[in-house]
Amino acid sequence: MTMRADQIATPIPGAEVPGIGGRLKQLAVHPYSLRLVSIFVVLAGWEIAGRVPVSPSFPTFLDTLAATAGMILDGSLPTGLSITLVPLVIGFGICAVLGVATGVAMGLSPRVEWLGVPIFIVLQAAPLAALVPLIIMAYGIGLTNKVLIVCIMAMPVIVLNSFKAVRNAPASLIEMGRSFLGSQRQLIFKVILPAAAPVIFAGLRLGLASGFVGAVLAELLVTPTGVGDIITYNQSIAEYPKMYGAIAAVIVVSVVFIEALEWAEFRFFRPEQRGE
């Protein structure tokens, strides 16, 4: 069977293979490429500011990196992080369960909302660091104290975001569920909570970040242990590269935890967006 010349190798619209220039352009606008550029800009600015220097106590990025590597090799930084993460994991676990449950209950029930919203708004607006001495007087300087500080820092954000997520669930989806004769339990677990999941997880990520602040704050103000001990000790002996290295390590671990929480959200609770 013969084919005409116009039937051979007919290009398909939109199926052109990009050349080297097109691939470089795609790589340049890729989200991960932009993230790497932003990280490079920040680190380069840090190195320049340390070499100027903006302050005698502000080390360069390379000096901080070398000091951090030394703390990792001698085991002091991993040990400090492991101590800091214990109250953080316990406190955030409590906040994730109780905070989301409380926020959902406030979003579903006006009576619970009237009772709970003023309390958590006050807690979110209050200078929580000022409450640390009172917590020390009540619970001492043990693990319970640190867990409580993490909960106080993280709970208001998680509760209020969960409340707003449920309260602002699309009314059209709820009406559609009712039109299909869905029970109240089905509406909550199959319509309201899936629609509210993005904002709830946004609150969990914010609460996790606040929990890291609370965990380090507890070690700085309550008892010098973990990463807080590394920071205060190196500050006292003017080992500023190690001090900044410990601070940077906390930031990196916090980012890793937040990214892991976001991955869990898309992997288990929002499967329709896994490929994005």
Protein backbone atom coordinates (compact mmCIF):
# COMPACT_ATOMS: atom_id res chain seq x y z
CA MET A 1 0.00 0.00 0.00
CA THR A 2 1.41 3.37 -1.01
CA MET A 3 1.00 6.63 0.88
CA ARG A 4 0.95 10.14 -0.47
CA ALA A 5 3.72 12.53 0.48
CA ASP A 6 1.37 14.66 2.58
CA GLN A 7 0.52 11.59 4.69
CA ILE A 8 4.12 10.88 5.70
CA ALA A 9 5.52 12.25 8.99
CA THR A 10 2.61 14.58 9.62
CA PRO A 11 3.47 16.49 12.80
CA ILE A 12 1.06 16.25 15.71
CA PRO A 13 0.15 19.65 17.20
CA GLY A 14 1.78 20.18 20.62
CA ALA A 15 4.02 17.10 20.22
CA GLU A 16 7.17 18.92 19.13
CA VAL A 17 10.27 17.74 20.99
CA PRO A 18 11.88 20.73 22.72
CA GLY A 19 15.45 21.51 21.80
CA ILE A 20 18.31 22.31 24.14
CA GLY A 21 17.14 25.89 24.50
CA GLY A 22 13.62 24.79 25.38
CA ARG A 23 14.86 22.30 27.94
CA LEU A 24 17.07 24.93 29.56
CA LYS A 25 14.11 27.29 29.70
CA GLN A 26 11.95 24.61 31.33
CA LEU A 27 14.72 23.88 33.82
CA ALA A 28 15.11 27.59 34.62
CA VAL A 29 11.43 28.00 35.53
CA HIS A 30 11.15 24.68 37.40
CA PRO A 31 10.09 25.20 41.05
CA TYR A 32 13.08 23.27 42.39
CA SER A 33 15.47 25.35 40.29
CA LEU A 34 13.95 28.54 41.68
CA ARG A 35 14.29 27.14 45.21
CA LEU A 36 17.96 26.39 44.64
CA VAL A 37 18.51 29.91 43.29
CA SER A 38 16.83 31.47 46.32
CA ILE A 39 18.91 29.32 48.70
CA PHE A 40 22.09 30.25 46.83
CA VAL A 41 21.24 33.97 47.00
CA VAL A 42 20.65 33.77 50.77
CA LEU A 43 23.86 31.85 51.42
CA ALA A 44 25.88 34.14 49.16
CA GLY A 45 24.48 37.16 51.00
CA TRP A 46 25.39 35.50 54.30
CA GLU A 47 28.97 34.94 53.12
CA ILE A 48 29.31 38.53 51.89
CA ALA A 49 27.82 39.95 55.11
CA GLY A 50 30.25 37.87 57.16
CA ARG A 51 33.25 39.05 55.15
CA VAL A 52 32.35 42.76 55.29
CA PRO A 53 31.69 42.17 58.31
CA VAL A 54 28.36 43.55 59.46
CA SER A 55 29.34 42.61 63.03
CA PRO A 56 32.36 41.02 64.70
CA SER A 57 30.04 38.36 66.08
CA PHE A 58 28.60 37.47 62.65
CA PRO A 59 30.66 34.67 61.02
CA THR A 60 30.77 33.81 57.34
CA PHE A 61 28.74 30.97 55.93
CA LEU A 62 31.84 28.88 55.22
CA ASP A 63 33.09 29.27 58.79
CA THR A 64 29.66 28.31 60.10
CA LEU A 65 29.53 25.32 57.78
CA ALA A 66 32.93 24.13 58.97
CA ALA A 67 31.91 24.54 62.62
CA THR A 68 28.64 22.68 61.99
CA ALA A 69 30.51 19.83 60.32
CA GLY A 70 32.80 19.63 63.35
CA MET A 71 29.84 19.43 65.74
CA ILE A 72 28.30 16.68 63.61
CA LEU A 73 31.52 14.69 63.60
CA ASP A 74 32.04 14.93 67.35
CA GLY A 75 28.39 13.99 67.96
CA SER A 76 27.39 17.06 69.98
CA LEU A 77 24.93 18.43 67.41
CA PRO A 78 23.07 15.14 66.72
CA THR A 79 22.83 14.52 70.48
CA GLY A 80 21.49 18.03 71.08
CA LEU A 81 18.92 17.72 68.30
CA SER A 82 17.72 14.36 69.61
CA ILE A 83 17.14 15.90 73.05
CA THR A 84 15.30 18.90 71.55
CA LEU A 85 13.06 16.76 69.35
CA VAL A 86 11.63 14.67 72.22
CA PRO A 87 9.35 17.37 73.72
CA LEU A 88 8.64 18.70 70.23
CA VAL A 89 7.35 15.37 68.92
CA ILE A 90 5.27 14.72 72.04
CA GLY A 91 3.85 18.24 72.15
CA PHE A 92 3.09 18.41 68.44
CA GLY A 93 1.43 14.99 68.53
CA ILE A 94 -0.86 16.19 71.31
CA CYS A 95 -1.63 19.42 69.44
CA ALA A 96 -2.28 17.63 66.16
CA VAL A 97 -4.90 15.35 67.73
CA LEU A 98 -6.55 17.65 70.25
CA GLY A 99 -6.08 20.84 68.23
CA VAL A 100 -7.66 19.55 65.04
CA ALA A 101 -10.49 17.88 66.99
CA THR A 102 -11.19 21.10 68.91
CA GLY A 103 -11.08 23.24 65.76
CA VAL A 104 -13.41 20.88 63.91
CA ALA A 105 -15.84 20.85 66.85
CA MET A 106 -15.79 24.66 66.93
CA GLY A 107 -16.48 24.79 63.21
CA LEU A 108 -19.41 22.38 63.44
CA SER A 109 -21.06 23.70 66.61
CA PRO A 110 -21.82 27.40 67.25
CA ARG A 111 -21.94 26.75 71.02
CA VAL A 112 -18.45 25.25 71.05
CA GLU A 113 -17.31 28.17 68.87
CA TRP A 114 -18.64 30.76 71.34
CA LEU A 115 -16.86 28.96 74.16
CA GLY A 116 -13.52 28.25 72.50
CA VAL A 117 -12.75 31.00 69.97
CA PRO A 118 -12.13 33.80 72.54
CA ILE A 119 -9.75 31.57 74.50
CA PHE A 120 -7.58 30.66 71.54
CA ILE A 121 -7.61 34.17 70.10
CA VAL A 122 -6.29 35.46 73.43
CA LEU A 123 -3.64 32.73 73.50
CA GLN A 124 -2.56 33.57 69.95
CA ALA A 125 -2.29 37.28 70.70
CA ALA A 126 -0.66 36.94 74.13
CA PRO A 127 3.14 37.14 74.57
CA LEU A 128 3.53 33.46 75.37
CA ALA A 129 7.20 33.78 76.32
CA ALA A 130 6.06 35.77 79.35
CA LEU A 131 4.16 32.70 80.57
CA VAL A 132 7.30 30.56 80.74
CA PRO A 133 8.27 31.65 84.30
CA LEU A 134 4.76 30.79 85.50
CA ILE A 135 4.98 27.37 83.86
CA ILE A 136 8.35 26.79 85.54
CA MET A 137 6.84 27.62 88.93
CA ALA A 138 3.94 25.22 88.32
CA TYR A 139 5.65 22.25 86.65
CA GLY A 140 9.37 22.60 87.38
CA ILE A 141 12.06 22.18 84.72
CA GLY A 142 11.39 18.66 83.48
CA LEU A 143 10.01 17.21 80.28
CA THR A 144 6.43 18.13 81.20
CA ASN A 145 7.37 21.80 81.26
CA LYS A 146 8.89 21.68 77.78
CA VAL A 147 5.98 19.74 76.30
CA LEU A 148 3.55 22.26 77.77
CA ILE A 149 5.47 25.17 76.25
CA VAL A 150 5.40 23.49 72.83
CA CYS A 151 1.65 22.94 73.17
CA ILE A 152 1.03 26.55 74.19
CA MET A 153 2.97 27.79 71.15
CA ALA A 154 1.44 25.40 68.60
CA MET A 155 -2.13 24.81 69.79
CA PRO A 156 -3.77 28.20 68.99
CA VAL A 157 -2.58 28.18 65.38
CA ILE A 158 -3.76 24.62 64.75
CA VAL A 159 -7.14 25.13 66.45
CA LEU A 160 -8.00 28.40 64.71
CA ASN A 161 -6.94 27.16 61.26
CA SER A 162 -8.97 23.98 61.69
CA PHE A 163 -11.96 26.05 62.83
CA LYS A 164 -11.76 28.38 59.83
CA ALA A 165 -11.26 25.44 57.45
CA VAL A 166 -14.43 23.69 58.61
CA ARG A 167 -16.47 26.87 58.87
CA ASN A 168 -15.54 27.92 55.31
CA ALA A 169 -16.14 24.52 53.68
CA PRO A 170 -17.94 25.02 50.33
CA ALA A 171 -21.67 25.24 50.94
CA SER A 172 -22.36 23.80 47.49
CA LEU A 173 -20.59 20.54 48.39
CA ILE A 174 -22.51 20.28 51.66
CA GLU A 175 -25.82 20.86 49.88
CA MET A 176 -24.88 18.26 47.28
CA GLY A 177 -24.19 15.74 50.05
CA ARG A 178 -27.54 16.49 51.65
CA SER A 179 -29.32 16.12 48.30
CA PHE A 180 -27.88 12.60 48.09
CA LEU A 181 -29.37 11.91 51.56
CA GLY A 182 -26.03 11.74 53.29
CA SER A 183 -26.08 11.45 57.06
CA GLN A 184 -24.41 14.02 59.30
CA ARG A 185 -21.49 11.65 59.88
CA GLN A 186 -21.06 11.11 56.15
CA LEU A 187 -21.18 14.85 55.50
CA ILE A 188 -18.43 15.44 58.07
CA PHE A 189 -16.04 12.67 57.03
CA LYS A 190 -16.69 12.56 53.28
CA VAL A 191 -17.45 16.18 52.42
CA ILE A 192 -16.44 18.72 55.07
CA LEU A 193 -13.12 17.29 56.25
CA PRO A 194 -11.76 16.51 52.74
CA ALA A 195 -12.68 20.04 51.64
CA ALA A 196 -11.08 21.51 54.77
CA ALA A 197 -7.91 19.37 54.59
CA PRO A 198 -5.70 21.97 52.79
CA VAL A 199 -6.29 24.67 55.41
CA ILE A 200 -6.06 22.18 58.28
CA PHE A 201 -2.65 21.00 57.07
CA ALA A 202 -1.57 24.60 56.57
CA GLY A 203 -2.37 25.12 60.24
CA LEU A 204 -0.44 21.98 61.17
CA ARG A 205 2.63 23.25 59.30
CA LEU A 206 2.38 26.63 61.02
CA GLY A 207 1.88 24.89 64.35
CA LEU A 208 4.92 22.71 63.75
CA ALA A 209 7.04 25.78 63.06
CA SER A 210 5.73 27.40 66.23
CA GLY A 211 6.43 24.18 68.10
CA PHE A 212 10.09 24.33 67.06
CA VAL A 213 10.25 27.88 68.40
CA GLY A 214 8.67 26.71 71.65
CA ALA A 215 11.06 23.77 72.02
CA VAL A 216 14.16 25.94 71.59
CA LEU A 217 12.64 28.69 73.74
CA ALA A 218 12.05 26.19 76.52
CA GLU A 219 15.69 25.13 76.42
CA LEU A 220 16.91 28.73 76.41
CA LEU A 221 14.67 29.93 79.24
CA VAL A 222 14.01 26.82 81.33
CA THR A 223 17.10 24.64 81.42
CA PRO A 224 20.12 24.58 79.08
CA THR A 225 19.76 21.22 77.34
CA GLY A 226 19.81 20.07 73.74
CA VAL A 227 20.36 22.66 71.04
CA GLY A 228 19.60 25.45 73.52
CA ASP A 229 22.60 24.38 75.57
CA ILE A 230 24.83 24.45 72.46
CA ILE A 231 23.62 27.95 71.58
CA THR A 232 24.01 29.45 75.06
CA TYR A 233 27.37 27.79 75.75
CA ASN A 234 28.99 28.85 72.48
CA GLN A 235 27.60 32.35 72.88
CA SER A 236 29.19 32.58 76.33
CA ILE A 237 32.63 31.59 75.02
CA ALA A 238 32.30 33.64 71.79
CA GLU A 239 32.32 30.61 69.49
CA TYR A 240 29.93 32.31 67.11
CA PRO A 241 30.32 29.93 64.14
CA LYS A 242 29.15 27.04 66.33
CA MET A 243 26.33 29.14 67.74
CA TYR A 244 25.05 30.07 64.28
CA GLY A 245 25.62 26.49 63.14
CA ALA A 246 23.30 25.21 65.88
CA ILE A 247 20.67 27.80 64.94
CA ALA A 248 20.96 26.89 61.25
CA ALA A 249 20.67 23.19 62.11
CA VAL A 250 17.39 23.82 63.93
CA ILE A 251 16.09 25.74 60.90
CA VAL A 252 17.09 22.94 58.51
CA VAL A 253 15.47 20.25 60.66
CA SER A 254 12.33 22.38 60.95
CA VAL A 255 12.15 22.74 57.17
CA VAL A 256 12.62 18.98 56.73
CA PHE A 257 9.79 18.24 59.18
CA ILE A 258 7.47 20.74 57.48
CA GLU A 259 8.26 19.33 54.03
CA ALA A 260 7.64 15.80 55.34
CA LEU A 261 4.27 16.91 56.69
CA GLU A 262 3.39 18.43 53.32
CA TRP A 263 4.43 15.20 51.58
CA ALA A 264 2.21 13.19 53.94
CA GLU A 265 -0.69 15.52 53.15
CA PHE A 266 -0.44 14.96 49.39
CA ARG A 267 0.40 11.27 49.75
CA PHE A 268 -2.39 10.19 52.11
CA PHE A 269 -5.03 12.93 52.28
CA ARG A 270 -5.02 14.61 48.87
CA PRO A 271 -4.33 11.83 46.35
CA GLU A 272 -5.89 13.81 43.50
CA GLN A 273 -2.87 16.18 43.55
CA ARG A 274 -0.02 13.67 43.83
CA GLY A 275 1.18 14.32 40.30
CA GLU A 276 1.37 18.11 40.57
